[in-house]
Amino acid sequence: MAGLLSEEQIETAKLTHKLVNQFRVIDSDMASQTIGVFLVVAMKGGEGVSMQEVKESLGIAQSSVSRNINLLCKTSRHMREGHNLLITYEDPMNRRQKLCKLSPKGILFLEGLVNAM
């Protein structure tokens, strides 16, 4: 079995494992969908991201997007404490739509991910 993967593939696996573990520090049971939602929002670089954009980027149901965004906000569903990594707000151009972006804590967490690389 040795030698089936290149050094680059092994290093990529190690880096991915290290980054996933950073998310596990926040929540030991954090789902991959939740991690994906955070990363899609982070990729926008501070601009607001609509839930529709997150849905299309990840290919998941709108209900899953809403649930995962709520987990990453200050207060999650059922008024439980969330992770406070995202902020949601009303789109000023379309008041029926919500946008989300990284919170100050989310920006610090993202910086920690970058430093872990």
C-alpha atoms as a PDB file:
ATOM      1  CA  MET A   1       0.000   0.000   0.000  1.00  0.00           C
ATOM      2  CA  ALA A   2       2.936   2.378   0.598  1.00  0.00           C
ATOM      3  CA  GLY A   3       3.673   4.752  -2.229  1.00  0.00           C
ATOM      4  CA  LEU A   4       0.137   4.935  -3.661  1.00  0.00           C
ATOM      5  CA  LEU A   5      -0.101   8.646  -2.911  1.00  0.00           C
ATOM      6  CA  SER A   6       2.303  11.374  -3.866  1.00  0.00           C
ATOM      7  CA  GLU A   7       3.982  13.528  -1.221  1.00  0.00           C
ATOM      8  CA  GLU A   8       1.805  16.423  -2.416  1.00  0.00           C
ATOM      9  CA  GLN A   9      -1.378  14.400  -1.865  1.00  0.00           C
ATOM     10  CA  ILE A  10      -0.229  13.349   1.602  1.00  0.00           C
ATOM     11  CA  GLU A  11       0.635  16.957   2.502  1.00  0.00           C
ATOM     12  CA  THR A  12      -2.756  18.128   1.211  1.00  0.00           C
ATOM     13  CA  ALA A  13      -4.499  15.524   3.382  1.00  0.00           C
ATOM     14  CA  LYS A  14      -2.466  16.625   6.421  1.00  0.00           C
ATOM     15  CA  LEU A  15      -3.294  20.302   5.815  1.00  0.00           C
ATOM     16  CA  THR A  16      -6.997  19.547   5.347  1.00  0.00           C
ATOM     17  CA  HIS A  17      -7.012  17.518   8.562  1.00  0.00           C
ATOM     18  CA  LYS A  18      -5.333  20.402  10.398  1.00  0.00           C
ATOM     19  CA  LEU A  19      -7.902  22.902   9.104  1.00  0.00           C
ATOM     20  CA  VAL A  20     -10.882  20.674   9.938  1.00  0.00           C
ATOM     21  CA  ASN A  21      -9.497  20.283  13.452  1.00  0.00           C
ATOM     22  CA  GLN A  22      -9.538  24.069  13.832  1.00  0.00           C
ATOM     23  CA  PHE A  23     -13.302  23.936  13.278  1.00  0.00           C
ATOM     24  CA  ARG A  24     -13.560  21.040  15.737  1.00  0.00           C
ATOM     25  CA  VAL A  25     -12.061  23.273  18.445  1.00  0.00           C
ATOM     26  CA  ILE A  26     -15.142  25.474  18.154  1.00  0.00           C
ATOM     27  CA  ASP A  27     -17.571  22.555  17.984  1.00  0.00           C
ATOM     28  CA  SER A  28     -16.391  18.957  18.215  1.00  0.00           C
ATOM     29  CA  ASP A  29     -19.486  17.824  16.279  1.00  0.00           C
ATOM     30  CA  MET A  30     -19.441  20.505  13.560  1.00  0.00           C
ATOM     31  CA  ALA A  31     -20.847  19.097  10.326  1.00  0.00           C
ATOM     32  CA  SER A  32     -19.094  19.424   6.983  1.00  0.00           C
ATOM     33  CA  GLN A  33     -22.062  21.449   5.674  1.00  0.00           C
ATOM     34  CA  THR A  34     -21.523  23.996   8.442  1.00  0.00           C
ATOM     35  CA  ILE A  35     -17.828  24.219   7.600  1.00  0.00           C
ATOM     36  CA  GLY A  36     -18.760  24.634   3.933  1.00  0.00           C
ATOM     37  CA  VAL A  37     -21.181  27.468   4.716  1.00  0.00           C
ATOM     38  CA  PHE A  38     -18.505  29.307   6.705  1.00  0.00           C
ATOM     39  CA  LEU A  39     -15.980  28.917   3.876  1.00  0.00           C
ATOM     40  CA  VAL A  40     -18.403  30.086   1.166  1.00  0.00           C
ATOM     41  CA  VAL A  41     -19.160  33.223   3.190  1.00  0.00           C
ATOM     42  CA  ALA A  42     -15.437  33.764   3.860  1.00  0.00           C
ATOM     43  CA  MET A  43     -14.624  33.491   0.144  1.00  0.00           C
ATOM     44  CA  LYS A  44     -16.684  36.632  -0.493  1.00  0.00           C
ATOM     45  CA  GLY A  45     -14.061  38.654   1.365  1.00  0.00           C
ATOM     46  CA  GLY A  46     -16.354  40.670   3.599  1.00  0.00           C
ATOM     47  CA  GLU A  47     -19.139  41.303   1.127  1.00  0.00           C
ATOM     48  CA  GLY A  48     -22.600  40.120   2.022  1.00  0.00           C
ATOM     49  CA  VAL A  49     -23.573  36.720   0.653  1.00  0.00           C
ATOM     50  CA  SER A  50     -27.188  35.760   0.037  1.00  0.00           C
ATOM     51  CA  MET A  51     -28.483  32.452   1.292  1.00  0.00           C
ATOM     52  CA  GLN A  52     -29.337  31.655  -2.338  1.00  0.00           C
ATOM     53  CA  GLU A  53     -25.654  32.063  -3.296  1.00  0.00           C
ATOM     54  CA  VAL A  54     -24.615  29.726  -0.476  1.00  0.00           C
ATOM     55  CA  LYS A  55     -27.268  27.211  -1.556  1.00  0.00           C
ATOM     56  CA  GLU A  56     -26.082  27.245  -5.165  1.00  0.00           C
ATOM     57  CA  SER A  57     -22.403  27.091  -4.226  1.00  0.00           C
ATOM     58  CA  LEU A  58     -22.818  24.059  -1.958  1.00  0.00           C
ATOM     59  CA  GLY A  59     -25.706  22.349  -3.737  1.00  0.00           C
ATOM     60  CA  ILE A  60     -27.703  21.912  -0.534  1.00  0.00           C
ATOM     61  CA  ALA A  61     -31.313  22.656   0.401  1.00  0.00           C
ATOM     62  CA  GLN A  62     -32.378  26.140   1.462  1.00  0.00           C
ATOM     63  CA  SER A  63     -33.439  24.745   4.847  1.00  0.00           C
ATOM     64  CA  SER A  64     -29.924  23.340   5.378  1.00  0.00           C
ATOM     65  CA  VAL A  65     -28.383  26.699   4.481  1.00  0.00           C
ATOM     66  CA  SER A  66     -30.638  28.512   6.964  1.00  0.00           C
ATOM     67  CA  ARG A  67     -29.970  25.994   9.730  1.00  0.00           C
ATOM     68  CA  ASN A  68     -26.197  26.117   9.244  1.00  0.00           C
ATOM     69  CA  ILE A  69     -26.069  29.902   9.017  1.00  0.00           C
ATOM     70  CA  ASN A  70     -28.065  30.087  12.239  1.00  0.00           C
ATOM     71  CA  LEU A  71     -25.567  27.742  13.933  1.00  0.00           C
ATOM     72  CA  LEU A  72     -22.760  30.076  12.908  1.00  0.00           C
ATOM     73  CA  CYS A  73     -24.508  33.245  14.126  1.00  0.00           C
ATOM     74  CA  LYS A  74     -24.621  34.638  17.665  1.00  0.00           C
ATOM     75  CA  THR A  75     -27.940  32.988  18.487  1.00  0.00           C
ATOM     76  CA  SER A  76     -28.919  29.750  16.783  1.00  0.00           C
ATOM     77  CA  ARG A  77     -32.312  28.127  16.418  1.00  0.00           C
ATOM     78  CA  HIS A  78     -34.424  27.865  19.553  1.00  0.00           C
ATOM     79  CA  MET A  79     -32.502  30.843  21.010  1.00  0.00           C
ATOM     80  CA  ARG A  80     -29.463  28.724  21.889  1.00  0.00           C
ATOM     81  CA  GLU A  81     -26.015  30.250  21.868  1.00  0.00           C
ATOM     82  CA  GLY A  82     -24.407  30.004  18.437  1.00  0.00           C
ATOM     83  CA  HIS A  83     -20.767  30.196  17.378  1.00  0.00           C
ATOM     84  CA  ASN A  84     -20.888  33.940  16.557  1.00  0.00           C
ATOM     85  CA  LEU A  85     -18.785  33.520  13.394  1.00  0.00           C
ATOM     86  CA  LEU A  86     -21.364  35.082  11.034  1.00  0.00           C
ATOM     87  CA  ILE A  87     -23.694  38.066  11.040  1.00  0.00           C
ATOM     88  CA  THR A  88     -26.964  38.149   9.106  1.00  0.00           C
ATOM     89  CA  TYR A  89     -28.688  41.305   7.995  1.00  0.00           C
ATOM     90  CA  GLU A  90     -31.414  42.479   5.650  1.00  0.00           C
ATOM     91  CA  ASP A  91     -30.361  43.161   2.054  1.00  0.00           C
ATOM     92  CA  PRO A  92     -30.855  46.931   1.612  1.00  0.00           C
ATOM     93  CA  MET A  93     -31.706  46.404  -2.077  1.00  0.00           C
ATOM     94  CA  ASN A  94     -34.165  43.532  -1.483  1.00  0.00           C
ATOM     95  CA  ARG A  95     -35.669  43.577   1.996  1.00  0.00           C
ATOM     96  CA  ARG A  96     -37.098  40.066   1.572  1.00  0.00           C
ATOM     97  CA  GLN A  97     -33.602  38.634   1.310  1.00  0.00           C
ATOM     98  CA  LYS A  98     -31.045  38.157   4.082  1.00  0.00           C
ATOM     99  CA  LEU A  99     -27.321  38.486   3.587  1.00  0.00           C
ATOM    100  CA  CYS A 100     -24.559  37.150   5.795  1.00  0.00           C
ATOM    101  CA  LYS A 101     -20.911  37.990   6.334  1.00  0.00           C
ATOM    102  CA  LEU A 102     -18.152  37.158   8.774  1.00  0.00           C
ATOM    103  CA  SER A 103     -18.481  38.625  12.258  1.00  0.00           C
ATOM    104  CA  PRO A 104     -15.393  40.086  13.960  1.00  0.00           C
ATOM    105  CA  LYS A 105     -14.953  36.708  15.668  1.00  0.00           C
ATOM    106  CA  GLY A 106     -15.335  35.000  12.278  1.00  0.00           C
ATOM    107  CA  ILE A 107     -12.598  37.190  10.812  1.00  0.00           C
ATOM    108  CA  LEU A 108     -10.285  36.274  13.709  1.00  0.00           C
ATOM    109  CA  PHE A 109     -11.117  32.601  13.247  1.00  0.00           C
ATOM    110  CA  LEU A 110     -10.351  32.841   9.517  1.00  0.00           C
ATOM    111  CA  GLU A 111      -7.007  34.476  10.340  1.00  0.00           C
ATOM    112  CA  GLY A 112      -6.306  31.511  12.630  1.00  0.00           C
ATOM    113  CA  LEU A 113      -7.060  29.123   9.755  1.00  0.00           C
ATOM    114  CA  VAL A 114      -4.651  31.001   7.515  1.00  0.00           C
ATOM    115  CA  ASN A 115      -1.960  30.914  10.206  1.00  0.00           C
ATOM    116  CA  ALA A 116      -2.516  27.161  10.670  1.00  0.00           C
ATOM    117  CA  MET A 117      -1.573  26.646   7.044  1.00  0.00           C
END
